Each structure stands twice: as structure tokens, then as C-alpha cells.
């Protein structure tokens, strides 16, 4: 099996190993291998000969805040709705959410794919069938770096109409405000 090098690679693993074990000057090594002296210095400093991954050390969204990402994760895990249904449900709460930013967020948190095999799915009882307009209301705790937030979710499982709200404190007033928001949002 051959080496896989990125497009801009100027050295192979064998050349990198030779640079690391050589006692010659950087100028001599750069002339011998036809590379820049900074490249020689880089490979002299490193312990291994493999390329490091590119991009940020800690991937994060440029569009979504930490709280919004936590809200998306807290919404996706219990509902297990497909990507487009999640997008439709969450866009009212997060206006700048796009399909690609949602997918990237779910990828970062390892929940982008729904379980496919019957054995992989968690054991869940079948939901009862309800008429349109019957809402299942749930509350989830969302932990972020700044602290705890609470996510109110109301879903009509028949029409898949969802109302979501993120609050700092889950008390009677917040619940009443959420119910008023739900009533106003019903088409």
C-alpha cells in the first residue's frame, strides 16, 4: 500500500525520516532534497513523520453559537427526526440555521446519522396515534460552557409541527410563556 500525501507535500516519509536522523546543516539538507529550509526545520522539530490534520484544533461553527449547538443536539437526541424535519422545526427558533450548518453541527457531535439497523435503534414503544393538534410537550436540560439552559419542545407527531424555546430558568412563568408561544404559533 502506497503513501497518501496531500497535494502540496514536498517530502515523503523516507525523506522526513532522513532529515530527522541527519546531523547535517539545514542548508545542506534543503539543497539535497530540493526543499525550503523552513521545511527542514519543521521536520527536525517533529517527533513523527506523518502529516498533521489541517484546520482548527477544535472545530466549531462560525454561524451557530455554543448555546444554539447545544439546543440542536438536545433536540435531535430524543426526537430522532431526520435532518430536514429537524431543520424545519428549528429554523423558527434559529433563523440563521441552514441545512448545511445543521448537518455540520450534527457531524461534530456524532449524531448526524440516524440508526439504520433494527438492533442499533434504542428500544422505544410505539407512539399512540393522535389527531392533528395534539402536542407532546417535553423539557430537556442543555449544558453549555456558560452553565445550564432549558429547552422546551412541543411536537405534534402527526403533522410534525414543532415549537422550540430555550430558557435560562425552567419555572412556572417560563412554562406559561412557552404555552402562550405555542398557542400563538399554531397555524
N, C-alpha and C. Protein backbone atom coordinates (compact mmCIF):
# COMPACT_ATOMS: atom_id res chain seq x y z
N UNK A 1 0.85 -1.17 0.00
CA UNK A 1 0.00 0.00 0.00
C UNK A 1 0.89 1.23 0.00
N UNK A 2 0.61 2.19 -0.89
CA UNK A 2 1.43 3.37 -1.04
C UNK A 2 1.08 4.45 -0.03
N UNK A 3 1.96 5.45 0.02
CA UNK A 3 1.73 6.58 0.91
C UNK A 3 0.65 7.49 0.35
N UNK A 4 -0.10 8.10 1.22
CA UNK A 4 -1.08 9.08 0.79
C UNK A 4 -0.55 10.44 1.25
N UNK A 5 -0.17 11.28 0.28
CA UNK A 5 0.36 12.60 0.58
C UNK A 5 -0.64 13.65 0.12
N UNK A 6 -0.68 14.77 0.83
CA UNK A 6 -1.55 15.84 0.37
C UNK A 6 -0.93 16.50 -0.86
N UNK A 7 -1.71 17.31 -1.56
CA UNK A 7 -1.27 17.87 -2.86
C UNK A 7 -0.03 18.73 -2.75
N UNK A 8 0.17 19.41 -1.64
CA UNK A 8 1.28 20.35 -1.52
C UNK A 8 2.50 19.73 -0.84
N UNK A 9 2.48 18.44 -0.58
CA UNK A 9 3.60 17.79 0.12
C UNK A 9 4.86 17.86 -0.73
N UNK A 10 5.96 18.28 -0.10
CA UNK A 10 7.25 18.35 -0.81
C UNK A 10 8.19 17.24 -0.36
N UNK A 11 7.78 16.48 0.64
CA UNK A 11 8.63 15.39 1.15
C UNK A 11 7.81 14.13 1.35
N UNK A 12 8.50 13.01 1.33
CA UNK A 12 7.88 11.73 1.65
C UNK A 12 8.29 11.34 3.06
N UNK A 13 7.73 10.25 3.56
CA UNK A 13 8.09 9.81 4.91
C UNK A 13 9.55 9.42 4.99
N UNK A 14 10.10 8.84 3.93
CA UNK A 14 11.51 8.46 3.93
C UNK A 14 12.41 9.69 4.02
N UNK A 15 12.08 10.74 3.28
CA UNK A 15 12.86 11.98 3.32
C UNK A 15 12.73 12.62 4.70
N UNK A 16 11.55 12.61 5.26
CA UNK A 16 11.33 13.18 6.59
C UNK A 16 12.16 12.45 7.64
N UNK A 17 12.16 11.12 7.56
CA UNK A 17 12.96 10.30 8.48
C UNK A 17 14.44 10.62 8.33
N UNK A 18 14.91 10.75 7.08
CA UNK A 18 16.32 11.06 6.82
C UNK A 18 16.68 12.43 7.40
N UNK A 19 15.78 13.39 7.26
CA UNK A 19 16.02 14.72 7.82
C UNK A 19 16.13 14.66 9.34
N UNK A 20 15.23 13.90 9.96
CA UNK A 20 15.22 13.82 11.41
C UNK A 20 16.47 13.14 11.98
N UNK A 21 17.02 12.16 11.24
CA UNK A 21 18.18 11.43 11.74
C UNK A 21 19.50 12.02 11.29
N UNK A 22 19.49 12.99 10.41
CA UNK A 22 20.71 13.58 9.87
C UNK A 22 21.31 14.59 10.84
N UNK A 23 22.65 14.68 10.84
CA UNK A 23 23.37 15.66 11.64
C UNK A 23 23.84 16.84 10.80
N UNK A 24 23.52 16.81 9.50
CA UNK A 24 23.96 17.87 8.60
C UNK A 24 23.18 19.16 8.85
N UNK A 25 23.69 20.26 8.30
CA UNK A 25 23.04 21.56 8.48
C UNK A 25 21.74 21.62 7.69
N UNK A 26 20.91 22.58 8.07
CA UNK A 26 19.63 22.74 7.38
C UNK A 26 19.85 23.16 5.94
N UNK A 27 20.86 23.99 5.69
CA UNK A 27 21.15 24.44 4.33
C UNK A 27 21.53 23.26 3.44
N UNK A 28 22.37 22.36 3.95
CA UNK A 28 22.79 21.20 3.17
C UNK A 28 21.60 20.29 2.87
N UNK A 29 20.79 20.04 3.89
CA UNK A 29 19.62 19.16 3.70
C UNK A 29 18.61 19.79 2.73
N UNK A 30 18.41 21.11 2.81
CA UNK A 30 17.45 21.74 1.90
C UNK A 30 17.93 21.66 0.45
N UNK A 31 19.23 21.80 0.23
CA UNK A 31 19.77 21.66 -1.14
C UNK A 31 19.66 20.21 -1.62
N UNK A 32 19.99 19.27 -0.75
CA UNK A 32 19.97 17.86 -1.14
C UNK A 32 18.57 17.42 -1.57
N UNK A 33 17.56 17.80 -0.81
CA UNK A 33 16.20 17.34 -1.09
C UNK A 33 15.38 18.34 -1.89
N UNK A 34 15.95 19.50 -2.20
CA UNK A 34 15.25 20.48 -3.02
C UNK A 34 14.05 21.08 -2.33
N UNK A 35 14.18 21.35 -1.03
CA UNK A 35 13.07 21.92 -0.26
C UNK A 35 13.55 23.15 0.48
N UNK A 36 12.63 23.89 1.04
CA UNK A 36 12.92 25.10 1.78
C UNK A 36 13.55 24.76 3.13
N UNK A 37 14.36 25.68 3.66
CA UNK A 37 14.99 25.45 4.97
C UNK A 37 13.96 25.40 6.10
N UNK A 38 12.87 26.14 5.95
CA UNK A 38 11.82 26.09 6.99
C UNK A 38 11.16 24.71 7.04
N UNK A 39 11.07 24.06 5.88
CA UNK A 39 10.52 22.70 5.84
C UNK A 39 11.46 21.74 6.56
N UNK A 40 12.76 21.91 6.34
CA UNK A 40 13.75 21.08 7.03
C UNK A 40 13.65 21.32 8.54
N UNK A 41 13.56 22.57 8.95
CA UNK A 41 13.46 22.89 10.38
C UNK A 41 12.20 22.29 10.99
N UNK A 42 11.09 22.34 10.24
CA UNK A 42 9.82 21.78 10.74
C UNK A 42 9.96 20.28 11.00
N UNK A 43 10.54 19.55 10.06
CA UNK A 43 10.65 18.10 10.22
C UNK A 43 11.72 17.71 11.22
N UNK A 44 12.72 18.56 11.45
CA UNK A 44 13.72 18.31 12.50
C UNK A 44 13.07 18.40 13.88
N UNK A 45 12.14 19.34 14.06
CA UNK A 45 11.47 19.54 15.36
C UNK A 45 10.48 18.43 15.68
N UNK A 46 9.81 17.90 14.68
CA UNK A 46 8.73 16.93 14.92
C UNK A 46 9.27 15.56 15.30
N UNK A 47 8.46 14.86 16.09
CA UNK A 47 8.84 13.51 16.50
C UNK A 47 8.43 12.48 15.47
N UNK A 48 7.24 12.63 14.87
CA UNK A 48 6.75 11.66 13.89
C UNK A 48 6.99 12.15 12.48
N UNK A 49 6.66 11.28 11.51
CA UNK A 49 6.85 11.64 10.10
C UNK A 49 5.52 11.79 9.37
N UNK A 50 4.41 11.66 10.06
CA UNK A 50 3.11 11.78 9.40
C UNK A 50 2.64 13.23 9.42
N UNK A 51 1.85 13.58 8.42
CA UNK A 51 1.28 14.93 8.35
C UNK A 51 0.25 15.10 9.43
N UNK A 52 0.17 16.30 9.97
CA UNK A 52 -0.89 16.62 10.94
C UNK A 52 -2.13 17.04 10.17
N UNK A 53 -3.27 16.88 10.79
CA UNK A 53 -4.51 17.29 10.13
C UNK A 53 -4.55 18.80 10.03
N UNK A 54 -5.16 19.27 8.97
CA UNK A 54 -5.28 20.70 8.77
C UNK A 54 -6.58 21.20 9.40
N UNK A 55 -6.73 22.49 9.47
CA UNK A 55 -7.94 23.06 10.04
C UNK A 55 -7.76 23.37 11.50
N UNK A 56 -8.80 23.86 12.14
CA UNK A 56 -8.70 24.25 13.53
C UNK A 56 -8.55 23.03 14.45
N UNK A 57 -7.87 23.23 15.57
CA UNK A 57 -7.68 22.15 16.53
C UNK A 57 -9.01 21.73 17.14
N UNK A 58 -9.86 22.71 17.42
CA UNK A 58 -11.19 22.43 17.96
C UNK A 58 -12.21 22.99 16.97
N UNK A 59 -12.79 22.11 16.13
CA UNK A 59 -13.76 22.61 15.14
C UNK A 59 -14.98 23.21 15.83
N UNK A 60 -15.42 24.36 15.34
CA UNK A 60 -16.62 25.00 15.87
C UNK A 60 -17.32 25.73 14.74
N UNK A 61 -18.54 26.07 14.99
CA UNK A 61 -19.36 26.72 13.97
C UNK A 61 -19.04 28.21 13.91
N UNK A 62 -19.07 28.75 12.69
CA UNK A 62 -18.94 30.19 12.53
C UNK A 62 -20.31 30.85 12.46
N UNK A 63 -21.35 30.04 12.34
CA UNK A 63 -22.71 30.56 12.19
C UNK A 63 -23.51 30.41 13.49
N UNK A 64 -23.31 29.30 14.19
CA UNK A 64 -24.11 28.99 15.36
C UNK A 64 -23.34 29.26 16.65
N UNK A 65 -24.02 29.71 17.67
CA UNK A 65 -23.40 29.91 18.98
C UNK A 65 -23.34 28.56 19.70
N UNK A 66 -22.61 28.54 20.81
CA UNK A 66 -22.48 27.31 21.60
C UNK A 66 -23.86 26.89 22.13
N UNK A 67 -24.65 27.87 22.56
CA UNK A 67 -25.99 27.56 23.09
C UNK A 67 -26.89 26.98 22.00
N UNK A 68 -26.79 27.54 20.79
CA UNK A 68 -27.61 27.04 19.69
C UNK A 68 -27.21 25.62 19.31
N UNK A 69 -25.90 25.33 19.31
CA UNK A 69 -25.45 23.97 19.02
C UNK A 69 -25.96 23.00 20.09
N UNK A 70 -25.88 23.41 21.36
CA UNK A 70 -26.37 22.55 22.44
C UNK A 70 -27.87 22.32 22.30
N UNK A 71 -28.59 23.34 21.86
CA UNK A 71 -30.03 23.22 21.66
C UNK A 71 -30.33 22.22 20.54
N UNK A 72 -29.56 22.28 19.45
CA UNK A 72 -29.76 21.36 18.33
C UNK A 72 -29.51 19.93 18.77
N UNK A 73 -28.43 19.71 19.52
CA UNK A 73 -28.10 18.36 20.00
C UNK A 73 -29.17 17.86 20.95
N UNK A 74 -29.62 18.73 21.86
CA UNK A 74 -30.65 18.33 22.82
C UNK A 74 -31.97 18.03 22.11
N UNK A 75 -32.23 18.68 20.99
CA UNK A 75 -33.46 18.43 20.23
C UNK A 75 -33.35 17.13 19.44
N UNK A 76 -32.19 16.87 18.81
CA UNK A 76 -32.05 15.72 17.92
C UNK A 76 -32.04 14.39 18.67
N UNK A 77 -31.34 14.35 19.81
CA UNK A 77 -31.18 13.07 20.51
C UNK A 77 -32.50 12.41 20.90
N UNK A 78 -33.41 13.11 21.55
CA UNK A 78 -34.65 12.41 21.92
C UNK A 78 -35.64 12.25 20.77
N UNK A 79 -35.67 13.21 19.83
CA UNK A 79 -36.69 13.14 18.79
C UNK A 79 -36.31 12.18 17.66
N UNK A 80 -35.00 12.07 17.37
CA UNK A 80 -34.51 11.23 16.27
C UNK A 80 -35.20 11.56 14.95
N UNK A 81 -35.50 12.84 14.75
CA UNK A 81 -36.11 13.26 13.49
C UNK A 81 -35.05 13.33 12.40
N UNK A 82 -35.43 13.12 11.15
CA UNK A 82 -34.48 13.26 10.04
C UNK A 82 -33.99 14.70 9.93
N UNK A 83 -32.90 14.88 9.17
CA UNK A 83 -32.25 16.17 9.03
C UNK A 83 -33.21 17.27 8.60
N UNK A 84 -33.98 17.03 7.56
CA UNK A 84 -34.88 18.07 7.05
C UNK A 84 -35.99 18.41 8.04
N UNK A 85 -36.49 17.42 8.76
CA UNK A 85 -37.51 17.69 9.77
C UNK A 85 -36.93 18.52 10.92
N UNK A 86 -35.69 18.20 11.32
CA UNK A 86 -35.02 18.99 12.36
C UNK A 86 -34.84 20.43 11.88
N UNK A 87 -34.42 20.58 10.63
CA UNK A 87 -34.21 21.91 10.07
C UNK A 87 -35.50 22.71 10.10
N UNK A 88 -36.58 22.10 9.64
CA UNK A 88 -37.88 22.78 9.61
C UNK A 88 -38.34 23.15 11.01
N UNK A 89 -38.11 22.26 11.96
CA UNK A 89 -38.56 22.51 13.33
C UNK A 89 -37.73 23.59 14.03
N UNK A 90 -36.45 23.64 13.74
CA UNK A 90 -35.56 24.55 14.47
C UNK A 90 -35.36 25.91 13.81
N UNK A 91 -35.73 26.05 12.53
CA UNK A 91 -35.50 27.32 11.84
C UNK A 91 -36.29 28.47 12.44
N UNK A 92 -37.43 28.20 13.02
CA UNK A 92 -38.20 29.28 13.63
C UNK A 92 -37.47 29.84 14.85
N UNK A 93 -36.77 28.97 15.57
CA UNK A 93 -36.04 29.39 16.76
C UNK A 93 -34.65 29.93 16.42
N UNK A 94 -33.99 29.32 15.40
CA UNK A 94 -32.65 29.73 14.99
C UNK A 94 -32.73 30.17 13.53
N UNK A 95 -33.01 31.44 13.26
CA UNK A 95 -33.26 31.90 11.88
C UNK A 95 -32.08 31.70 10.93
N UNK A 96 -30.83 31.80 11.42
CA UNK A 96 -29.68 31.68 10.53
C UNK A 96 -29.30 30.22 10.26
N UNK A 97 -30.06 29.28 10.78
CA UNK A 97 -29.78 27.86 10.58
C UNK A 97 -30.06 27.45 9.14
N UNK A 98 -29.06 26.84 8.50
CA UNK A 98 -29.22 26.30 7.16
C UNK A 98 -29.07 24.79 7.23
N UNK A 99 -29.40 24.13 6.15
CA UNK A 99 -29.30 22.68 6.12
C UNK A 99 -27.85 22.24 6.32
N UNK A 100 -26.92 22.94 5.66
CA UNK A 100 -25.51 22.54 5.77
C UNK A 100 -24.95 22.84 7.16
N UNK A 101 -25.33 23.98 7.77
CA UNK A 101 -24.81 24.26 9.11
C UNK A 101 -25.39 23.28 10.13
N UNK A 102 -26.64 22.87 9.93
CA UNK A 102 -27.24 21.86 10.81
C UNK A 102 -26.51 20.53 10.65
N UNK A 103 -26.26 20.13 9.42
CA UNK A 103 -25.57 18.86 9.17
C UNK A 103 -24.16 18.88 9.78
N UNK A 104 -23.43 19.99 9.59
CA UNK A 104 -22.08 20.08 10.16
C UNK A 104 -22.11 20.02 11.68
N UNK A 105 -23.10 20.66 12.29
CA UNK A 105 -23.25 20.62 13.74
C UNK A 105 -23.49 19.18 14.22
N UNK A 106 -24.39 18.48 13.55
CA UNK A 106 -24.69 17.10 13.93
C UNK A 106 -23.47 16.20 13.70
N UNK A 107 -22.70 16.47 12.64
CA UNK A 107 -21.47 15.71 12.38
C UNK A 107 -20.48 15.92 13.52
N UNK A 108 -20.28 17.17 13.94
CA UNK A 108 -19.32 17.47 15.01
C UNK A 108 -19.66 16.73 16.29
N UNK A 109 -20.95 16.55 16.55
CA UNK A 109 -21.38 15.92 17.79
C UNK A 109 -21.66 14.42 17.62
N UNK A 110 -21.39 13.89 16.44
CA UNK A 110 -21.50 12.44 16.21
C UNK A 110 -22.92 11.92 16.14
N UNK A 111 -23.88 12.76 15.78
CA UNK A 111 -25.27 12.29 15.72
C UNK A 111 -25.90 12.63 14.37
N UNK A 112 -25.07 12.68 13.32
CA UNK A 112 -25.60 13.08 12.02
C UNK A 112 -26.38 11.95 11.35
N UNK A 113 -26.06 10.72 11.67
CA UNK A 113 -26.76 9.59 11.04
C UNK A 113 -27.71 8.95 12.05
N UNK A 114 -28.91 8.72 11.60
CA UNK A 114 -29.87 8.01 12.43
C UNK A 114 -29.55 6.52 12.39
N UNK A 115 -29.87 5.78 13.44
CA UNK A 115 -29.61 4.34 13.42
C UNK A 115 -30.37 3.67 12.27
N UNK A 116 -29.67 2.81 11.53
CA UNK A 116 -30.30 2.17 10.36
C UNK A 116 -30.75 0.74 10.66
N UNK A 117 -29.94 0.02 11.40
CA UNK A 117 -30.23 -1.38 11.67
C UNK A 117 -31.18 -1.47 12.86
N UNK A 118 -32.09 -2.42 12.80
CA UNK A 118 -33.08 -2.58 13.87
C UNK A 118 -32.42 -2.78 15.22
N UNK A 119 -31.30 -3.50 15.28
CA UNK A 119 -30.61 -3.75 16.54
C UNK A 119 -29.95 -2.51 17.09
N UNK A 120 -29.60 -1.53 16.23
CA UNK A 120 -28.94 -0.31 16.68
C UNK A 120 -29.90 0.69 17.32
N UNK A 121 -31.17 0.59 16.97
CA UNK A 121 -32.13 1.55 17.48
C UNK A 121 -32.44 1.27 18.95
N UNK A 122 -32.57 2.31 19.74
CA UNK A 122 -32.96 2.08 21.13
C UNK A 122 -34.38 1.54 21.19
N UNK A 123 -34.62 0.72 22.19
CA UNK A 123 -35.95 0.14 22.36
C UNK A 123 -36.91 1.23 22.76
N UNK A 124 -37.86 1.51 21.88
CA UNK A 124 -38.87 2.53 22.17
C UNK A 124 -40.23 1.93 21.91
N UNK A 125 -41.16 2.34 22.74
CA UNK A 125 -42.51 1.86 22.49
C UNK A 125 -43.13 2.70 21.37
N UNK A 126 -44.05 2.13 20.67
CA UNK A 126 -44.74 2.83 19.60
C UNK A 126 -45.55 3.98 20.18
N UNK A 127 -45.48 5.10 19.49
CA UNK A 127 -46.30 6.24 19.91
C UNK A 127 -47.75 5.97 19.53
N UNK A 128 -48.63 6.37 20.40
CA UNK A 128 -50.04 6.25 20.09
C UNK A 128 -50.38 7.22 18.96
N UNK A 129 -51.38 6.90 18.21
CA UNK A 129 -51.82 7.81 17.15
C UNK A 129 -52.77 8.83 17.75
N UNK A 130 -52.48 10.09 17.44
CA UNK A 130 -53.28 11.19 17.95
C UNK A 130 -53.76 12.03 16.79
N UNK A 131 -54.84 12.73 16.96
CA UNK A 131 -55.31 13.63 15.89
C UNK A 131 -54.38 14.83 15.78
N UNK A 132 -54.42 15.50 14.64
CA UNK A 132 -53.63 16.71 14.46
C UNK A 132 -54.06 17.73 15.49
N UNK A 133 -53.08 18.39 16.08
CA UNK A 133 -53.37 19.38 17.11
C UNK A 133 -53.07 18.89 18.51
N UNK A 134 -52.77 17.58 18.66
CA UNK A 134 -52.39 17.04 19.96
C UNK A 134 -50.87 17.18 20.09
N UNK A 135 -50.41 17.99 21.04
CA UNK A 135 -48.99 18.25 21.19
C UNK A 135 -48.39 17.47 22.36
N UNK A 136 -47.22 16.87 22.09
CA UNK A 136 -46.42 16.26 23.15
C UNK A 136 -45.43 17.34 23.59
N UNK A 137 -45.44 17.68 24.87
CA UNK A 137 -44.57 18.74 25.38
C UNK A 137 -43.52 18.12 26.27
N UNK A 138 -42.27 18.55 26.07
CA UNK A 138 -41.16 17.98 26.81
C UNK A 138 -40.21 19.09 27.23
N UNK A 139 -39.42 18.81 28.24
CA UNK A 139 -38.42 19.74 28.76
C UNK A 139 -37.10 19.00 28.84
N UNK A 140 -36.03 19.59 28.29
CA UNK A 140 -34.71 18.97 28.33
C UNK A 140 -33.71 19.97 28.90
N UNK A 141 -32.76 19.45 29.67
CA UNK A 141 -31.70 20.29 30.22
C UNK A 141 -30.55 20.32 29.22
N UNK A 142 -30.04 21.52 28.92
CA UNK A 142 -28.95 21.69 27.98
C UNK A 142 -27.76 22.27 28.75
N UNK A 143 -26.63 21.57 28.70
CA UNK A 143 -25.44 22.06 29.40
C UNK A 143 -24.50 22.71 28.40
N UNK A 144 -24.06 23.92 28.72
CA UNK A 144 -23.10 24.63 27.89
C UNK A 144 -21.92 25.04 28.77
N UNK A 145 -20.93 25.67 28.15
CA UNK A 145 -19.77 26.12 28.91
C UNK A 145 -20.17 27.20 29.92
N UNK A 146 -21.20 27.96 29.60
CA UNK A 146 -21.65 29.04 30.48
C UNK A 146 -22.55 28.54 31.60
N UNK A 147 -23.09 27.36 31.49
CA UNK A 147 -23.98 26.83 32.52
C UNK A 147 -25.12 26.04 31.93
N UNK A 148 -26.21 25.92 32.72
CA UNK A 148 -27.37 25.14 32.28
C UNK A 148 -28.41 26.04 31.66
N UNK A 149 -29.03 25.51 30.59
CA UNK A 149 -30.20 26.14 29.99
C UNK A 149 -31.26 25.06 29.87
N UNK A 150 -32.49 25.47 29.61
CA UNK A 150 -33.58 24.51 29.50
C UNK A 150 -34.27 24.68 28.15
N UNK A 151 -34.60 23.56 27.54
CA UNK A 151 -35.20 23.54 26.22
C UNK A 151 -36.62 23.01 26.33
N UNK A 152 -37.59 23.86 26.00
CA UNK A 152 -38.99 23.44 25.92
C UNK A 152 -39.26 23.01 24.49
N UNK A 153 -39.88 21.85 24.31
CA UNK A 153 -40.22 21.33 22.99
C UNK A 153 -41.67 20.89 23.00
N UNK A 154 -42.41 21.33 21.98
CA UNK A 154 -43.79 20.88 21.78
C UNK A 154 -43.87 20.35 20.36
N UNK A 155 -44.29 19.09 20.20
CA UNK A 155 -44.33 18.47 18.86
C UNK A 155 -45.68 17.80 18.63
N UNK A 156 -46.23 18.10 17.47
CA UNK A 156 -47.43 17.40 17.01
C UNK A 156 -46.91 16.26 16.14
N UNK A 157 -46.94 15.05 16.65
CA UNK A 157 -46.31 13.92 15.96
C UNK A 157 -47.00 13.56 14.65
N UNK A 158 -48.23 13.96 14.47
CA UNK A 158 -48.93 13.67 13.22
C UNK A 158 -48.47 14.59 12.10
N UNK A 159 -48.49 15.90 12.36
CA UNK A 159 -48.11 16.87 11.32
C UNK A 159 -46.63 17.24 11.39
N UNK A 160 -45.95 16.83 12.46
CA UNK A 160 -44.53 17.15 12.71
C UNK A 160 -44.31 18.65 12.86
N UNK A 161 -45.33 19.36 13.30
CA UNK A 161 -45.20 20.78 13.62
C UNK A 161 -44.55 20.86 14.99
N UNK A 162 -43.48 21.68 15.10
CA UNK A 162 -42.70 21.74 16.33
C UNK A 162 -42.51 23.20 16.73
N UNK A 163 -42.58 23.44 18.03
CA UNK A 163 -42.24 24.74 18.60
C UNK A 163 -41.17 24.48 19.65
N UNK A 164 -40.06 25.25 19.57
CA UNK A 164 -38.92 25.06 20.45
C UNK A 164 -38.56 26.40 21.08
N UNK A 165 -38.20 26.38 22.37
CA UNK A 165 -37.77 27.60 23.04
C UNK A 165 -36.71 27.26 24.07
N UNK A 166 -35.64 28.06 24.11
CA UNK A 166 -34.53 27.87 25.04
C UNK A 166 -34.63 28.95 26.12
N UNK A 167 -34.66 28.54 27.40
CA UNK A 167 -34.79 29.49 28.51
C UNK A 167 -33.71 29.23 29.55
N UNK A 168 -33.43 30.24 30.35
CA UNK A 168 -32.40 30.11 31.38
C UNK A 168 -32.93 29.43 32.64
N UNK A 169 -34.20 29.61 32.92
CA UNK A 169 -34.79 29.06 34.14
C UNK A 169 -36.11 28.38 33.79
N UNK A 170 -36.27 27.14 34.20
CA UNK A 170 -37.49 26.40 33.92
C UNK A 170 -38.41 26.45 35.13
N UNK A 171 -39.21 27.49 35.20
CA UNK A 171 -40.16 27.62 36.29
C UNK A 171 -41.56 27.76 35.71
N UNK A 172 -42.51 28.03 36.56
CA UNK A 172 -43.92 28.14 36.13
C UNK A 172 -44.11 29.26 35.12
N UNK A 173 -43.43 30.39 35.33
CA UNK A 173 -43.58 31.52 34.41
C UNK A 173 -43.05 31.17 33.02
N UNK A 174 -41.89 30.51 32.99
CA UNK A 174 -41.30 30.13 31.70
C UNK A 174 -42.20 29.13 30.98
N UNK A 175 -42.77 28.18 31.74
CA UNK A 175 -43.66 27.19 31.15
C UNK A 175 -44.93 27.85 30.61
N UNK A 176 -45.47 28.80 31.37
CA UNK A 176 -46.68 29.50 30.92
C UNK A 176 -46.39 30.34 29.68
N UNK A 177 -45.22 30.98 29.65
CA UNK A 177 -44.83 31.77 28.48
C UNK A 177 -44.65 30.88 27.27
N UNK A 178 -44.09 29.69 27.49
CA UNK A 178 -43.92 28.75 26.39
C UNK A 178 -45.27 28.29 25.85
N UNK A 179 -46.20 28.01 26.71
CA UNK A 179 -47.53 27.59 26.27
C UNK A 179 -48.23 28.71 25.49
N UNK A 180 -48.04 29.94 25.91
CA UNK A 180 -48.61 31.07 25.16
C UNK A 180 -47.97 31.19 23.78
N UNK A 181 -46.66 30.98 23.72
CA UNK A 181 -45.94 30.99 22.44
C UNK A 181 -46.46 29.88 21.53
N UNK A 182 -46.70 28.71 22.12
CA UNK A 182 -47.22 27.58 21.37
C UNK A 182 -48.59 27.90 20.81
N UNK A 183 -49.46 28.47 21.61
CA UNK A 183 -50.81 28.79 21.15
C UNK A 183 -50.78 29.80 20.01
N UNK A 184 -49.88 30.80 20.13
CA UNK A 184 -49.76 31.80 19.07
C UNK A 184 -49.19 31.22 17.78
N UNK A 185 -48.33 30.20 17.91
CA UNK A 185 -47.65 29.66 16.74
C UNK A 185 -48.49 28.64 15.96
N UNK A 186 -49.53 28.12 16.57
CA UNK A 186 -50.36 27.11 15.90
C UNK A 186 -51.05 27.75 14.70
N UNK A 187 -50.85 27.14 13.51
CA UNK A 187 -51.45 27.73 12.29
C UNK A 187 -52.96 27.60 12.25
